[in-house]
Amino acid sequence: MFNPFEDDSREYLALCNDEEQYSLWPQGLQIPAGWRTVYGTATREKVLDRIERSWTDMRPKSLRGAGGQGDSP
């Protein structure tokens, strides 16, 4: 079964939402509501590298800004 998210021969975008969560997105597919392009078009490897360097805290923005709530004891 073909998976457009794992095709190294196509180009990709890095998307980000209002919670500062990132997603790898194949170029040419419709961008979902609530997401915007923050990097690309580039190879899958370059986009994944950008996401890894940009998304250093996996918690949603609303949780990070909650005055430390959700942090480990």
PDB file of N, CA and C in Angstrom:
ATOM      1  N   MET A   1       0.851  -1.181   0.000  1.00  0.00           N
ATOM      2  CA  MET A   1       0.000   0.000   0.000  1.00  0.00           C
ATOM      3  C   MET A   1       0.902   1.251   0.000  1.00  0.00           C
ATOM      4  N   PHE A   2       0.598   2.192  -0.853  1.00  0.00           N
ATOM      5  CA  PHE A   2       1.375   3.423  -1.008  1.00  0.00           C
ATOM      6  C   PHE A   2       1.063   4.408   0.116  1.00  0.00           C
ATOM      7  N   ASN A   3       2.116   4.954   0.730  1.00  0.00           N
ATOM      8  CA  ASN A   3       1.958   5.941   1.790  1.00  0.00           C
ATOM      9  C   ASN A   3       2.694   7.214   1.365  1.00  0.00           C
ATOM     10  N   PRO A   4       1.966   8.307   1.043  1.00  0.00           N
ATOM     11  CA  PRO A   4       2.629   9.524   0.572  1.00  0.00           C
ATOM     12  C   PRO A   4       3.497  10.195   1.636  1.00  0.00           C
ATOM     13  N   PHE A   5       3.358   9.817   2.893  1.00  0.00           N
ATOM     14  CA  PHE A   5       4.153  10.409   3.964  1.00  0.00           C
ATOM     15  C   PHE A   5       5.521   9.736   4.109  1.00  0.00           C
ATOM     16  N   GLU A   6       5.732   8.644   3.393  1.00  0.00           N
ATOM     17  CA  GLU A   6       6.994   7.908   3.486  1.00  0.00           C
ATOM     18  C   GLU A   6       7.678   7.759   2.135  1.00  0.00           C
ATOM     19  N   ASP A   7       7.340   8.594   1.185  1.00  0.00           N
ATOM     20  CA  ASP A   7       7.879   8.531  -0.171  1.00  0.00           C
ATOM     21  C   ASP A   7       9.069   9.480  -0.293  1.00  0.00           C
ATOM     22  N   ASP A   8      10.277   8.936  -0.283  1.00  0.00           N
ATOM     23  CA  ASP A   8      11.483   9.764  -0.345  1.00  0.00           C
ATOM     24  C   ASP A   8      11.682  10.452  -1.686  1.00  0.00           C
ATOM     25  N   SER A   9      10.896  10.077  -2.693  1.00  0.00           N
ATOM     26  CA  SER A   9      11.062  10.676  -4.014  1.00  0.00           C
ATOM     27  C   SER A   9      10.251  11.960  -4.199  1.00  0.00           C
ATOM     28  N   ARG A  10       9.400  12.294  -3.259  1.00  0.00           N
ATOM     29  CA  ARG A  10       8.597  13.512  -3.404  1.00  0.00           C
ATOM     30  C   ARG A  10       9.090  14.603  -2.468  1.00  0.00           C
ATOM     31  N   GLU A  11       8.543  15.796  -2.617  1.00  0.00           N
ATOM     32  CA  GLU A  11       8.919  16.915  -1.758  1.00  0.00           C
ATOM     33  C   GLU A  11       7.856  17.122  -0.691  1.00  0.00           C
ATOM     34  N   TYR A  12       8.284  17.765   0.403  1.00  0.00           N
ATOM     35  CA  TYR A  12       7.442  17.917   1.584  1.00  0.00           C
ATOM     36  C   TYR A  12       7.464  19.341   2.108  1.00  0.00           C
ATOM     37  N   LEU A  13       6.526  19.606   2.998  1.00  0.00           N
ATOM     38  CA  LEU A  13       6.431  20.859   3.736  1.00  0.00           C
ATOM     39  C   LEU A  13       6.491  20.531   5.220  1.00  0.00           C
ATOM     40  N   ALA A  14       6.901  21.502   6.023  1.00  0.00           N
ATOM     41  CA  ALA A  14       6.734  21.420   7.472  1.00  0.00           C
ATOM     42  C   ALA A  14       5.558  22.325   7.797  1.00  0.00           C
ATOM     43  N   LEU A  15       4.578  21.773   8.483  1.00  0.00           N
ATOM     44  CA  LEU A  15       3.410  22.539   8.909  1.00  0.00           C
ATOM     45  C   LEU A  15       3.475  22.766  10.408  1.00  0.00           C
ATOM     46  N   CYS A  16       2.801  23.815  10.856  1.00  0.00           N
ATOM     47  CA  CYS A  16       2.712  24.119  12.280  1.00  0.00           C
ATOM     48  C   CYS A  16       1.295  24.605  12.567  1.00  0.00           C
ATOM     49  N   ASN A  17       0.773  24.257  13.749  1.00  0.00           N
ATOM     50  CA  ASN A  17      -0.559  24.744  14.124  1.00  0.00           C
ATOM     51  C   ASN A  17      -0.441  25.774  15.253  1.00  0.00           C
ATOM     52  N   ASP A  18      -1.563  26.267  15.715  1.00  0.00           N
ATOM     53  CA  ASP A  18      -1.556  27.304  16.756  1.00  0.00           C
ATOM     54  C   ASP A  18      -0.980  26.820  18.082  1.00  0.00           C
ATOM     55  N   GLU A  19      -0.945  25.514  18.300  1.00  0.00           N
ATOM     56  CA  GLU A  19      -0.360  24.942  19.512  1.00  0.00           C
ATOM     57  C   GLU A  19       1.129  24.673  19.334  1.00  0.00           C
ATOM     58  N   GLU A  20       1.693  25.139  18.210  1.00  0.00           N
ATOM     59  CA  GLU A  20       3.108  24.972  17.879  1.00  0.00           C
ATOM     60  C   GLU A  20       3.517  23.509  17.805  1.00  0.00           C
ATOM     61  N   GLN A  21       2.604  22.690  17.283  1.00  0.00           N
ATOM     62  CA  GLN A  21       2.892  21.299  16.977  1.00  0.00           C
ATOM     63  C   GLN A  21       3.220  21.237  15.489  1.00  0.00           C
ATOM     64  N   TYR A  22       4.140  20.370  15.108  1.00  0.00           N
ATOM     65  CA  TYR A  22       4.625  20.297  13.739  1.00  0.00           C
ATOM     66  C   TYR A  22       4.175  19.018  13.056  1.00  0.00           C
ATOM     67  N   SER A  23       4.139  19.084  11.714  1.00  0.00           N
ATOM     68  CA  SER A  23       3.792  17.924  10.930  1.00  0.00           C
ATOM     69  C   SER A  23       4.545  17.940   9.615  1.00  0.00           C
ATOM     70  N   LEU A  24       5.023  16.788   9.205  1.00  0.00           N
ATOM     71  CA  LEU A  24       5.558  16.582   7.871  1.00  0.00           C
ATOM     72  C   LEU A  24       4.366  16.447   6.934  1.00  0.00           C
ATOM     73  N   TRP A  25       4.379  17.160   5.794  1.00  0.00           N
ATOM     74  CA  TRP A  25       3.221  17.127   4.911  1.00  0.00           C
ATOM     75  C   TRP A  25       3.664  17.043   3.454  1.00  0.00           C
ATOM     76  N   PRO A  26       3.155  16.059   2.706  1.00  0.00           N
ATOM     77  CA  PRO A  26       3.530  15.936   1.298  1.00  0.00           C
ATOM     78  C   PRO A  26       3.074  17.151   0.477  1.00  0.00           C
ATOM     79  N   GLN A  27       3.998  17.684  -0.321  1.00  0.00           N
ATOM     80  CA  GLN A  27       3.676  18.781  -1.235  1.00  0.00           C
ATOM     81  C   GLN A  27       2.580  18.306  -2.181  1.00  0.00           C
ATOM     82  N   GLY A  28       1.616  19.153  -2.417  1.00  0.00           N
ATOM     83  CA  GLY A  28       0.543  18.822  -3.350  1.00  0.00           C
ATOM     84  C   GLY A  28      -0.728  18.333  -2.687  1.00  0.00           C
ATOM     85  N   LEU A  29      -0.652  17.900  -1.430  1.00  0.00           N
ATOM     86  CA  LEU A  29      -1.865  17.528  -0.701  1.00  0.00           C
ATOM     87  C   LEU A  29      -2.417  18.773  -0.028  1.00  0.00           C
ATOM     88  N   GLN A  30      -3.740  18.839   0.082  1.00  0.00           N
ATOM     89  CA  GLN A  30      -4.374  19.993   0.705  1.00  0.00           C
ATOM     90  C   GLN A  30      -3.948  20.103   2.167  1.00  0.00           C
ATOM     91  N   ILE A  31      -3.561  21.308   2.567  1.00  0.00           N
ATOM     92  CA  ILE A  31      -3.166  21.557   3.952  1.00  0.00           C
ATOM     93  C   ILE A  31      -4.425  21.629   4.813  1.00  0.00           C
ATOM     94  N   PRO A  32      -4.466  20.884   5.902  1.00  0.00           N
ATOM     95  CA  PRO A  32      -5.658  20.864   6.748  1.00  0.00           C
ATOM     96  C   PRO A  32      -5.898  22.218   7.421  1.00  0.00           C
ATOM     97  N   ALA A  33      -7.153  22.484   7.714  1.00  0.00           N
ATOM     98  CA  ALA A  33      -7.537  23.712   8.418  1.00  0.00           C
ATOM     99  C   ALA A  33      -6.800  23.775   9.746  1.00  0.00           C
ATOM    100  N   GLY A  34      -6.336  24.964  10.107  1.00  0.00           N
ATOM    101  CA  GLY A  34      -5.647  25.163  11.375  1.00  0.00           C
ATOM    102  C   GLY A  34      -4.142  24.973  11.292  1.00  0.00           C
ATOM    103  N   TRP A  35      -3.645  24.624  10.125  1.00  0.00           N
ATOM    104  CA  TRP A  35      -2.212  24.412   9.933  1.00  0.00           C
ATOM    105  C   TRP A  35      -1.700  25.406   8.909  1.00  0.00           C
ATOM    106  N   ARG A  36      -0.408  25.775   9.030  1.00  0.00           N
ATOM    107  CA  ARG A  36       0.226  26.694   8.076  1.00  0.00           C
ATOM    108  C   ARG A  36       1.618  26.160   7.741  1.00  0.00           C
ATOM    109  N   THR A  37       2.090  26.506   6.567  1.00  0.00           N
ATOM    110  CA  THR A  37       3.421  26.088   6.132  1.00  0.00           C
ATOM    111  C   THR A  37       4.469  26.950   6.817  1.00  0.00           C
ATOM    112  N   VAL A  38       5.479  26.310   7.414  1.00  0.00           N
ATOM    113  CA  VAL A  38       6.571  27.038   8.055  1.00  0.00           C
ATOM    114  C   VAL A  38       7.921  26.723   7.425  1.00  0.00           C
ATOM    115  N   TYR A  39       7.963  25.711   6.543  1.00  0.00           N
ATOM    116  CA  TYR A  39       9.203  25.373   5.863  1.00  0.00           C
ATOM    117  C   TYR A  39       8.883  24.502   4.662  1.00  0.00           C
ATOM    118  N   GLY A  40       9.683  24.654   3.623  1.00  0.00           N
ATOM    119  CA  GLY A  40       9.559  23.788   2.449  1.00  0.00           C
ATOM    120  C   GLY A  40       9.206  24.631   1.251  1.00  0.00           C
ATOM    121  N   THR A  41       9.259  24.072   0.225  1.00  0.00           N
ATOM    122  CA  THR A  41       9.290  22.690  -0.210  1.00  0.00           C
ATOM    123  C   THR A  41      10.739  22.184  -0.196  1.00  0.00           C
ATOM    124  N   ALA A  42      10.910  20.945   0.303  1.00  0.00           N
ATOM    125  CA  ALA A  42      12.236  20.356   0.404  1.00  0.00           C
ATOM    126  C   ALA A  42      12.097  18.838   0.468  1.00  0.00           C
ATOM    127  N   THR A  43      13.234  18.169   0.486  1.00  0.00           N
ATOM    128  CA  THR A  43      13.212  16.712   0.598  1.00  0.00           C
ATOM    129  C   THR A  43      12.643  16.309   1.958  1.00  0.00           C
ATOM    130  N   ARG A  44      12.197  15.081   2.034  1.00  0.00           N
ATOM    131  CA  ARG A  44      11.645  14.551   3.281  1.00  0.00           C
ATOM    132  C   ARG A  44      12.691  14.667   4.396  1.00  0.00           C
ATOM    133  N   GLU A  45      13.918  14.305   4.097  1.00  0.00           N
ATOM    134  CA  GLU A  45      15.001  14.352   5.087  1.00  0.00           C
ATOM    135  C   GLU A  45      15.223  15.777   5.612  1.00  0.00           C
ATOM    136  N   LYS A  46      15.255  16.765   4.731  1.00  0.00           N
ATOM    137  CA  LYS A  46      15.476  18.149   5.159  1.00  0.00           C
ATOM    138  C   LYS A  46      14.315  18.670   5.991  1.00  0.00           C
ATOM    139  N   VAL A  47      13.097  18.328   5.604  1.00  0.00           N
ATOM    140  CA  VAL A  47      11.932  18.793   6.367  1.00  0.00           C
ATOM    141  C   VAL A  47      11.909  18.136   7.746  1.00  0.00           C
ATOM    142  N   LEU A  48      12.181  16.848   7.814  1.00  0.00           N
ATOM    143  CA  LEU A  48      12.225  16.183   9.117  1.00  0.00           C
ATOM    144  C   LEU A  48      13.318  16.770  10.006  1.00  0.00           C
ATOM    145  N   ASP A  49      14.458  17.106   9.411  1.00  0.00           N
ATOM    146  CA  ASP A  49      15.538  17.740  10.173  1.00  0.00           C
ATOM    147  C   ASP A  49      15.087  19.092  10.720  1.00  0.00           C
ATOM    148  N   ARG A  50      14.412  19.881   9.910  1.00  0.00           N
ATOM    149  CA  ARG A  50      13.912  21.186  10.356  1.00  0.00           C
ATOM    150  C   ARG A  50      12.909  21.019  11.496  1.00  0.00           C
ATOM    151  N   ILE A  51      12.017  20.065  11.355  1.00  0.00           N
ATOM    152  CA  ILE A  51      11.027  19.826  12.411  1.00  0.00           C
ATOM    153  C   ILE A  51      11.733  19.412  13.705  1.00  0.00           C
ATOM    154  N   GLU A  52      12.701  18.527  13.602  1.00  0.00           N
ATOM    155  CA  GLU A  52      13.427  18.074  14.789  1.00  0.00           C
ATOM    156  C   GLU A  52      14.131  19.227  15.495  1.00  0.00           C
ATOM    157  N   ARG A  53      14.712  20.143  14.736  1.00  0.00           N
ATOM    158  CA  ARG A  53      15.418  21.283  15.336  1.00  0.00           C
ATOM    159  C   ARG A  53      14.447  22.324  15.891  1.00  0.00           C
ATOM    160  N   SER A  54      13.254  22.432  15.320  1.00  0.00           N
ATOM    161  CA  SER A  54      12.286  23.456  15.726  1.00  0.00           C
ATOM    162  C   SER A  54      11.390  23.003  16.871  1.00  0.00           C
ATOM    163  N   TRP A  55      11.032  21.737  16.893  1.00  0.00           N
ATOM    164  CA  TRP A  55      10.043  21.232  17.842  1.00  0.00           C
ATOM    165  C   TRP A  55      10.769  20.547  18.992  1.00  0.00           C
ATOM    166  N   THR A  56      11.308  21.359  19.891  1.00  0.00           N
ATOM    167  CA  THR A  56      12.127  20.837  20.978  1.00  0.00           C
ATOM    168  C   THR A  56      11.333  20.479  22.228  1.00  0.00           C
ATOM    169  N   ASP A  57      10.109  20.955  22.321  1.00  0.00           N
ATOM    170  CA  ASP A  57       9.235  20.647  23.454  1.00  0.00           C
ATOM    171  C   ASP A  57       7.920  20.141  22.875  1.00  0.00           C
ATOM    172  N   MET A  58       7.637  18.865  23.062  1.00  0.00           N
ATOM    173  CA  MET A  58       6.479  18.238  22.435  1.00  0.00           C
ATOM    174  C   MET A  58       5.141  18.653  23.046  1.00  0.00           C
ATOM    175  N   ARG A  59       5.180  19.309  24.196  1.00  0.00           N
ATOM    176  CA  ARG A  59       3.924  19.721  24.813  1.00  0.00           C
ATOM    177  C   ARG A  59       3.269  20.823  23.985  1.00  0.00           C
ATOM    178  N   PRO A  60       1.941  20.820  23.880  1.00  0.00           N
ATOM    179  CA  PRO A  60       1.248  21.908  23.181  1.00  0.00           C
ATOM    180  C   PRO A  60       1.549  23.252  23.847  1.00  0.00           C
ATOM    181  N   LYS A  61       1.517  24.308  23.071  1.00  0.00           N
ATOM    182  CA  LYS A  61       1.807  25.659  23.568  1.00  0.00           C
ATOM    183  C   LYS A  61       0.941  25.999  24.781  1.00  0.00           C
ATOM    184  N   SER A  62      -0.330  25.633  24.745  1.00  0.00           N
ATOM    185  CA  SER A  62      -1.236  25.972  25.853  1.00  0.00           C
ATOM    186  C   SER A  62      -0.818  25.280  27.147  1.00  0.00           C
ATOM    187  N   LEU A  63      -0.219  24.115  27.066  1.00  0.00           N
ATOM    188  CA  LEU A  63       0.240  23.424  28.264  1.00  0.00           C
ATOM    189  C   LEU A  63       1.558  24.009  28.742  1.00  0.00           C
ATOM    190  N   ARG A  64       2.455  24.353  27.820  1.00  0.00           N
ATOM    191  CA  ARG A  64       3.733  24.956  28.215  1.00  0.00           C
ATOM    192  C   ARG A  64       3.510  26.289  28.921  1.00  0.00           C
ATOM    193  N   GLY A  65       2.490  27.027  28.525  1.00  0.00           N
ATOM    194  CA  GLY A  65       2.228  28.341  29.104  1.00  0.00           C
ATOM    195  C   GLY A  65       1.335  28.291  30.326  1.00  0.00           C
ATOM    196  N   ALA A  66       1.099  27.109  30.858  1.00  0.00           N
ATOM    197  CA  ALA A  66       0.175  26.952  31.983  1.00  0.00           C
ATOM    198  C   ALA A  66       0.863  27.072  33.323  1.00  0.00           C
ATOM    199  N   GLY A  67       1.967  27.810  33.392  1.00  0.00           N
ATOM    200  CA  GLY A  67       2.641  28.041  34.668  1.00  0.00           C
ATOM    201  C   GLY A  67       3.286  26.815  35.247  1.00  0.00           C
ATOM    202  N   GLY A  68       3.768  25.928  34.368  1.00  0.00           N
ATOM    203  CA  GLY A  68       4.466  24.742  34.850  1.00  0.00           C
ATOM    204  C   GLY A  68       3.558  23.559  35.070  1.00  0.00           C
ATOM    205  N   GLN A  69       2.262  23.704  34.892  1.00  0.00           N
ATOM    206  CA  GLN A  69       1.373  22.572  35.074  1.00  0.00           C
ATOM    207  C   GLN A  69       1.725  21.503  34.057  1.00  0.00           C
ATOM    208  N   GLY A  70       1.690  20.281  34.479  1.00  0.00           N
ATOM    209  CA  GLY A  70       1.997  19.178  33.602  1.00  0.00           C
ATOM    210  C   GLY A  70       3.460  18.813  33.622  1.00  0.00           C
ATOM    211  N   ASP A  71       4.307  19.603  34.306  1.00  0.00           N
ATOM    212  CA  ASP A  71       5.715  19.254  34.416  1.00  0.00           C
ATOM    213  C   ASP A  71       5.852  18.072  35.369  1.00  0.00           C
ATOM    214  N   SER A  72       6.885  17.296  35.169  1.00  0.00           N
ATOM    215  CA  SER A  72       7.138  16.160  36.056  1.00  0.00           C
ATOM    216  C   SER A  72       7.560  16.683  37.420  1.00  0.00           C
ATOM    217  N   PRO A  73       7.180  15.974  38.496  1.00  0.00           N
ATOM    218  CA  PRO A  73       7.572  16.399  39.856  1.00  0.00           C
ATOM    219  C   PRO A  73       9.051  16.264  40.077  1.00  0.00           C
TER     220      PRO A  73
END
